[in-house]
Amino acid sequence: MTTSVPPVTEPDASAMTCPGDQVGPCATCQRKAHKYGRVGCPLCQWCMAPAMEKWGPGVPLHQPAP
């Protein structure tokens, strides 16, 4: 059973469980999601699913610090 993806105006569940200063836009759809730190490249759960299919469980979540 698949669920439909809510509109991007609705935040990812991860954004609701972390401090406000750790919330930022999903790198793909711009939905509010957990940033995973200052240099993280966040993906909401709906954008993460295809990335994990392509990259496996080792999908890169972080970008190197500048």
PDB file of N, CA and C in Angstrom:
ATOM      1  N   MET A   1       0.833  -1.172   0.000  1.00  0.00           N
ATOM      2  CA  MET A   1       0.000   0.000   0.000  1.00  0.00           C
ATOM      3  C   MET A   1       0.885   1.245   0.000  1.00  0.00           C
ATOM      4  N   THR A   2       0.639   2.150  -0.901  1.00  0.00           N
ATOM      5  CA  THR A   2       1.415   3.378  -0.947  1.00  0.00           C
ATOM      6  C   THR A   2       0.541   4.547  -0.519  1.00  0.00           C
ATOM      7  N   THR A   3       1.165   5.498   0.119  1.00  0.00           N
ATOM      8  CA  THR A   3       0.441   6.695   0.516  1.00  0.00           C
ATOM      9  C   THR A   3       0.841   7.818  -0.415  1.00  0.00           C
ATOM     10  N   SER A   4      -0.071   8.735  -0.638  1.00  0.00           N
ATOM     11  CA  SER A   4       0.251   9.848  -1.519  1.00  0.00           C
ATOM     12  C   SER A   4       1.145  10.840  -0.784  1.00  0.00           C
ATOM     13  N   VAL A   5       1.960  11.519  -1.549  1.00  0.00           N
ATOM     14  CA  VAL A   5       2.875  12.505  -0.986  1.00  0.00           C
ATOM     15  C   VAL A   5       2.078  13.780  -0.702  1.00  0.00           C
ATOM     16  N   PRO A   6       2.149  14.278   0.531  1.00  0.00           N
ATOM     17  CA  PRO A   6       1.417  15.511   0.839  1.00  0.00           C
ATOM     18  C   PRO A   6       2.059  16.705   0.131  1.00  0.00           C
ATOM     19  N   PRO A   7       1.353  17.818   0.053  1.00  0.00           N
ATOM     20  CA  PRO A   7       1.936  19.003  -0.590  1.00  0.00           C
ATOM     21  C   PRO A   7       3.193  19.460   0.143  1.00  0.00           C
ATOM     22  N   VAL A   8       4.100  20.104  -0.566  1.00  0.00           N
ATOM     23  CA  VAL A   8       5.364  20.530   0.039  1.00  0.00           C
ATOM     24  C   VAL A   8       5.173  21.593   1.110  1.00  0.00           C
ATOM     25  N   THR A   9       3.985  22.153   1.212  1.00  0.00           N
ATOM     26  CA  THR A   9       3.719  23.102   2.284  1.00  0.00           C
ATOM     27  C   THR A   9       3.624  22.412   3.637  1.00  0.00           C
ATOM     28  N   GLU A  10       3.428  21.087   3.638  1.00  0.00           N
ATOM     29  CA  GLU A  10       3.397  20.328   4.890  1.00  0.00           C
ATOM     30  C   GLU A  10       4.804  19.847   5.205  1.00  0.00           C
ATOM     31  N   PRO A  11       5.316  20.115   6.420  1.00  0.00           N
ATOM     32  CA  PRO A  11       6.673  19.701   6.759  1.00  0.00           C
ATOM     33  C   PRO A  11       6.792  18.190   6.915  1.00  0.00           C
ATOM     34  N   ASP A  12       8.020  17.705   6.756  1.00  0.00           N
ATOM     35  CA  ASP A  12       8.337  16.310   7.024  1.00  0.00           C
ATOM     36  C   ASP A  12       8.210  16.081   8.532  1.00  0.00           C
ATOM     37  N   ALA A  13       7.870  14.885   8.931  1.00  0.00           N
ATOM     38  CA  ALA A  13       7.727  14.585  10.362  1.00  0.00           C
ATOM     39  C   ALA A  13       9.014  14.868  11.130  1.00  0.00           C
ATOM     40  N   SER A  14      10.169  14.719  10.486  1.00  0.00           N
ATOM     41  CA  SER A  14      11.442  14.972  11.158  1.00  0.00           C
ATOM     42  C   SER A  14      11.572  16.426  11.588  1.00  0.00           C
ATOM     43  N   ALA A  15      10.949  17.349  10.867  1.00  0.00           N
ATOM     44  CA  ALA A  15      11.025  18.769  11.211  1.00  0.00           C
ATOM     45  C   ALA A  15      10.236  19.081  12.467  1.00  0.00           C
ATOM     46  N   MET A  16       9.276  18.249  12.771  1.00  0.00           N
ATOM     47  CA  MET A  16       8.444  18.495  13.946  1.00  0.00           C
ATOM     48  C   MET A  16       9.061  17.938  15.221  1.00  0.00           C
ATOM     49  N   THR A  17      10.106  17.145  15.101  1.00  0.00           N
ATOM     50  CA  THR A  17      10.702  16.513  16.275  1.00  0.00           C
ATOM     51  C   THR A  17      12.085  17.052  16.607  1.00  0.00           C
ATOM     52  N   CYS A  18      12.541  18.085  15.920  1.00  0.00           N
ATOM     53  CA  CYS A  18      13.870  18.633  16.195  1.00  0.00           C
ATOM     54  C   CYS A  18      13.758  20.118  16.538  1.00  0.00           C
ATOM     55  N   PRO A  19      14.788  20.688  17.179  1.00  0.00           N
ATOM     56  CA  PRO A  19      14.759  22.114  17.499  1.00  0.00           C
ATOM     57  C   PRO A  19      14.616  22.956  16.227  1.00  0.00           C
ATOM     58  N   GLY A  20      13.972  24.095  16.348  1.00  0.00           N
ATOM     59  CA  GLY A  20      13.707  24.961  15.207  1.00  0.00           C
ATOM     60  C   GLY A  20      14.941  25.400  14.448  1.00  0.00           C
ATOM     61  N   ASP A  21      16.088  25.545  15.139  1.00  0.00           N
ATOM     62  CA  ASP A  21      17.298  25.960  14.438  1.00  0.00           C
ATOM     63  C   ASP A  21      17.907  24.837  13.613  1.00  0.00           C
ATOM     64  N   GLN A  22      17.348  23.632  13.709  1.00  0.00           N
ATOM     65  CA  GLN A  22      17.833  22.507  12.916  1.00  0.00           C
ATOM     66  C   GLN A  22      16.866  22.137  11.797  1.00  0.00           C
ATOM     67  N   VAL A  23      15.924  23.028  11.483  1.00  0.00           N
ATOM     68  CA  VAL A  23      14.960  22.802  10.417  1.00  0.00           C
ATOM     69  C   VAL A  23      15.381  23.621   9.208  1.00  0.00           C
ATOM     70  N   GLY A  24      15.373  22.989   8.049  1.00  0.00           N
ATOM     71  CA  GLY A  24      15.711  23.676   6.812  1.00  0.00           C
ATOM     72  C   GLY A  24      15.010  23.020   5.646  1.00  0.00           C
ATOM     73  N   PRO A  25      15.173  23.559   4.451  1.00  0.00           N
ATOM     74  CA  PRO A  25      14.482  23.000   3.288  1.00  0.00           C
ATOM     75  C   PRO A  25      15.112  21.692   2.809  1.00  0.00           C
ATOM     76  N   CYS A  26      14.258  20.787   2.350  1.00  0.00           N
ATOM     77  CA  CYS A  26      14.732  19.559   1.709  1.00  0.00           C
ATOM     78  C   CYS A  26      15.557  19.971   0.492  1.00  0.00           C
ATOM     79  N   ALA A  27      16.638  19.298   0.247  1.00  0.00           N
ATOM     80  CA  ALA A  27      17.515  19.648  -0.863  1.00  0.00           C
ATOM     81  C   ALA A  27      16.859  19.433  -2.224  1.00  0.00           C
ATOM     82  N   THR A  28      15.805  18.639  -2.270  1.00  0.00           N
ATOM     83  CA  THR A  28      15.144  18.350  -3.543  1.00  0.00           C
ATOM     84  C   THR A  28      13.848  19.133  -3.718  1.00  0.00           C
ATOM     85  N   CYS A  29      12.926  19.021  -2.755  1.00  0.00           N
ATOM     86  CA  CYS A  29      11.590  19.609  -2.938  1.00  0.00           C
ATOM     87  C   CYS A  29      11.357  20.881  -2.128  1.00  0.00           C
ATOM     88  N   GLN A  30      12.289  21.240  -1.274  1.00  0.00           N
ATOM     89  CA  GLN A  30      12.227  22.439  -0.438  1.00  0.00           C
ATOM     90  C   GLN A  30      11.235  22.331   0.734  1.00  0.00           C
ATOM     91  N   ARG A  31      10.698  21.128   0.990  1.00  0.00           N
ATOM     92  CA  ARG A  31       9.821  20.907   2.152  1.00  0.00           C
ATOM     93  C   ARG A  31      10.663  21.064   3.421  1.00  0.00           C
ATOM     94  N   LYS A  32      10.094  21.586   4.510  1.00  0.00           N
ATOM     95  CA  LYS A  32      10.826  21.708   5.762  1.00  0.00           C
ATOM     96  C   LYS A  32      11.193  20.316   6.275  1.00  0.00           C
ATOM     97  N   ALA A  33      12.464  20.128   6.621  1.00  0.00           N
ATOM     98  CA  ALA A  33      12.973  18.842   7.105  1.00  0.00           C
ATOM     99  C   ALA A  33      14.103  19.095   8.096  1.00  0.00           C
ATOM    100  N   HIS A  34      14.525  18.054   8.797  1.00  0.00           N
ATOM    101  CA  HIS A  34      15.651  18.144   9.733  1.00  0.00           C
ATOM    102  C   HIS A  34      16.922  18.353   8.931  1.00  0.00           C
ATOM    103  N   LYS A  35      17.745  19.371   9.299  1.00  0.00           N
ATOM    104  CA  LYS A  35      18.936  19.736   8.532  1.00  0.00           C
ATOM    105  C   LYS A  35      20.126  18.827   8.753  1.00  0.00           C
ATOM    106  N   TYR A  36      20.161  18.018   9.788  1.00  0.00           N
ATOM    107  CA  TYR A  36      21.318  17.156  10.081  1.00  0.00           C
ATOM    108  C   TYR A  36      22.580  17.965  10.294  1.00  0.00           C
ATOM    109  N   GLY A  37      22.523  19.048  11.032  1.00  0.00           N
ATOM    110  CA  GLY A  37      23.692  19.857  11.337  1.00  0.00           C
ATOM    111  C   GLY A  37      23.842  21.038  10.386  1.00  0.00           C
ATOM    112  N   ARG A  38      24.891  21.807  10.567  1.00  0.00           N
ATOM    113  CA  ARG A  38      25.085  23.033   9.784  1.00  0.00           C
ATOM    114  C   ARG A  38      25.393  22.781   8.322  1.00  0.00           C
ATOM    115  N   VAL A  39      26.087  21.711   7.992  1.00  0.00           N
ATOM    116  CA  VAL A  39      26.475  21.473   6.596  1.00  0.00           C
ATOM    117  C   VAL A  39      25.695  20.323   5.973  1.00  0.00           C
ATOM    118  N   GLY A  40      24.681  19.854   6.654  1.00  0.00           N
ATOM    119  CA  GLY A  40      23.912  18.724   6.146  1.00  0.00           C
ATOM    120  C   GLY A  40      23.130  19.062   4.889  1.00  0.00           C
ATOM    121  N   CYS A  41      22.883  18.057   4.128  1.00  0.00           N
ATOM    122  CA  CYS A  41      22.063  18.182   2.931  1.00  0.00           C
ATOM    123  C   CYS A  41      20.808  17.370   3.200  1.00  0.00           C
ATOM    124  N   PRO A  42      19.765  18.004   3.732  1.00  0.00           N
ATOM    125  CA  PRO A  42      18.600  17.240   4.170  1.00  0.00           C
ATOM    126  C   PRO A  42      17.747  16.739   3.019  1.00  0.00           C
ATOM    127  N   LEU A  43      17.140  15.632   3.243  1.00  0.00           N
ATOM    128  CA  LEU A  43      16.129  15.113   2.334  1.00  0.00           C
ATOM    129  C   LEU A  43      14.930  14.729   3.183  1.00  0.00           C
ATOM    130  N   CYS A  44      13.741  15.111   2.740  1.00  0.00           N
ATOM    131  CA  CYS A  44      12.541  14.678   3.447  1.00  0.00           C
ATOM    132  C   CYS A  44      12.354  13.188   3.171  1.00  0.00           C
ATOM    133  N   GLN A  45      11.445  12.568   3.892  1.00  0.00           N
ATOM    134  CA  GLN A  45      11.268  11.121   3.745  1.00  0.00           C
ATOM    135  C   GLN A  45      10.828  10.729   2.335  1.00  0.00           C
ATOM    136  N   TRP A  46      10.119  11.602   1.635  1.00  0.00           N
ATOM    137  CA  TRP A  46       9.654  11.253   0.288  1.00  0.00           C
ATOM    138  C   TRP A  46      10.768  11.386  -0.739  1.00  0.00           C
ATOM    139  N   CYS A  47      11.697  12.311  -0.550  1.00  0.00           N
ATOM    140  CA  CYS A  47      12.841  12.443  -1.464  1.00  0.00           C
ATOM    141  C   CYS A  47      13.940  11.446  -1.100  1.00  0.00           C
ATOM    142  N   MET A  48      13.982  11.033   0.181  1.00  0.00           N
ATOM    143  CA  MET A  48      14.985  10.065   0.621  1.00  0.00           C
ATOM    144  C   MET A  48      14.739   8.689   0.006  1.00  0.00           C
ATOM    145  N   ALA A  49      13.469   8.303  -0.158  1.00  0.00           N
ATOM    146  CA  ALA A  49      13.146   6.956  -0.651  1.00  0.00           C
ATOM    147  C   ALA A  49      13.789   6.665  -2.015  1.00  0.00           C
ATOM    148  N   PRO A  50      13.634   7.516  -3.043  1.00  0.00           N
ATOM    149  CA  PRO A  50      14.282   7.215  -4.314  1.00  0.00           C
ATOM    150  C   PRO A  50      15.813   7.284  -4.224  1.00  0.00           C
ATOM    151  N   ALA A  51      16.331   8.155  -3.348  1.00  0.00           N
ATOM    152  CA  ALA A  51      17.784   8.238  -3.182  1.00  0.00           C
ATOM    153  C   ALA A  51      18.323   6.947  -2.584  1.00  0.00           C
ATOM    154  N   MET A  52      17.595   6.375  -1.613  1.00  0.00           N
ATOM    155  CA  MET A  52      18.036   5.122  -1.011  1.00  0.00           C
ATOM    156  C   MET A  52      17.932   3.969  -2.005  1.00  0.00           C
ATOM    157  N   GLU A  53      16.934   4.011  -2.891  1.00  0.00           N
ATOM    158  CA  GLU A  53      16.839   2.980  -3.931  1.00  0.00           C
ATOM    159  C   GLU A  53      18.051   3.035  -4.843  1.00  0.00           C
ATOM    160  N   LYS A  54      18.505   4.239  -5.146  1.00  0.00           N
ATOM    161  CA  LYS A  54      19.653   4.404  -6.041  1.00  0.00           C
ATOM    162  C   LYS A  54      20.981   4.114  -5.337  1.00  0.00           C
ATOM    163  N   TRP A  55      21.154   4.651  -4.123  1.00  0.00           N
ATOM    164  CA  TRP A  55      22.431   4.577  -3.434  1.00  0.00           C
ATOM    165  C   TRP A  55      22.501   3.502  -2.348  1.00  0.00           C
ATOM    166  N   GLY A  56      21.357   2.952  -1.936  1.00  0.00           N
ATOM    167  CA  GLY A  56      21.350   1.986  -0.844  1.00  0.00           C
ATOM    168  C   GLY A  56      21.355   2.699   0.490  1.00  0.00           C
ATOM    169  N   PRO A  57      21.525   1.956   1.575  1.00  0.00           N
ATOM    170  CA  PRO A  57      21.461   2.573   2.904  1.00  0.00           C
ATOM    171  C   PRO A  57      22.606   3.545   3.167  1.00  0.00           C
ATOM    172  N   GLY A  58      23.622   3.563   2.327  1.00  0.00           N
ATOM    173  CA  GLY A  58      24.744   4.481   2.494  1.00  0.00           C
ATOM    174  C   GLY A  58      24.549   5.785   1.769  1.00  0.00           C
ATOM    175  N   VAL A  59      23.293   6.161   1.489  1.00  0.00           N
ATOM    176  CA  VAL A  59      23.025   7.407   0.787  1.00  0.00           C
ATOM    177  C   VAL A  59      23.703   8.559   1.528  1.00  0.00           C
ATOM    178  N   PRO A  60      24.443   9.402   0.806  1.00  0.00           N
ATOM    179  CA  PRO A  60      25.150  10.494   1.491  1.00  0.00           C
ATOM    180  C   PRO A  60      24.174  11.522   2.054  1.00  0.00           C
ATOM    181  N   LEU A  61      24.225  11.722   3.369  1.00  0.00           N
ATOM    182  CA  LEU A  61      23.343  12.691   4.013  1.00  0.00           C
ATOM    183  C   LEU A  61      24.055  14.014   4.271  1.00  0.00           C
ATOM    184  N   HIS A  62      25.349  14.012   4.224  1.00  0.00           N
ATOM    185  CA  HIS A  62      26.091  15.206   4.576  1.00  0.00           C
ATOM    186  C   HIS A  62      26.988  15.644   3.422  1.00  0.00           C
ATOM    187  N   GLN A  63      27.173  16.949   3.338  1.00  0.00           N
ATOM    188  CA  GLN A  63      28.139  17.504   2.407  1.00  0.00           C
ATOM    189  C   GLN A  63      29.366  17.873   3.215  1.00  0.00           C
ATOM    190  N   PRO A  64      30.546  17.803   2.622  1.00  0.00           N
ATOM    191  CA  PRO A  64      31.734  18.181   3.378  1.00  0.00           C
ATOM    192  C   PRO A  64      31.711  19.657   3.738  1.00  0.00           C
ATOM    193  N   ALA A  65      32.297  19.978   4.884  1.00  0.00           N
ATOM    194  CA  ALA A  65      32.359  21.372   5.314  1.00  0.00           C
ATOM    195  C   ALA A  65      33.211  22.175   4.342  1.00  0.00           C
ATOM    196  N   PRO A  66      32.842  23.445   4.092  1.00  0.00           N
ATOM    197  CA  PRO A  66      33.621  24.286   3.156  1.00  0.00           C
ATOM    198  C   PRO A  66      34.968  24.642   3.713  1.00  0.00           C
TER     199      PRO A  66
END
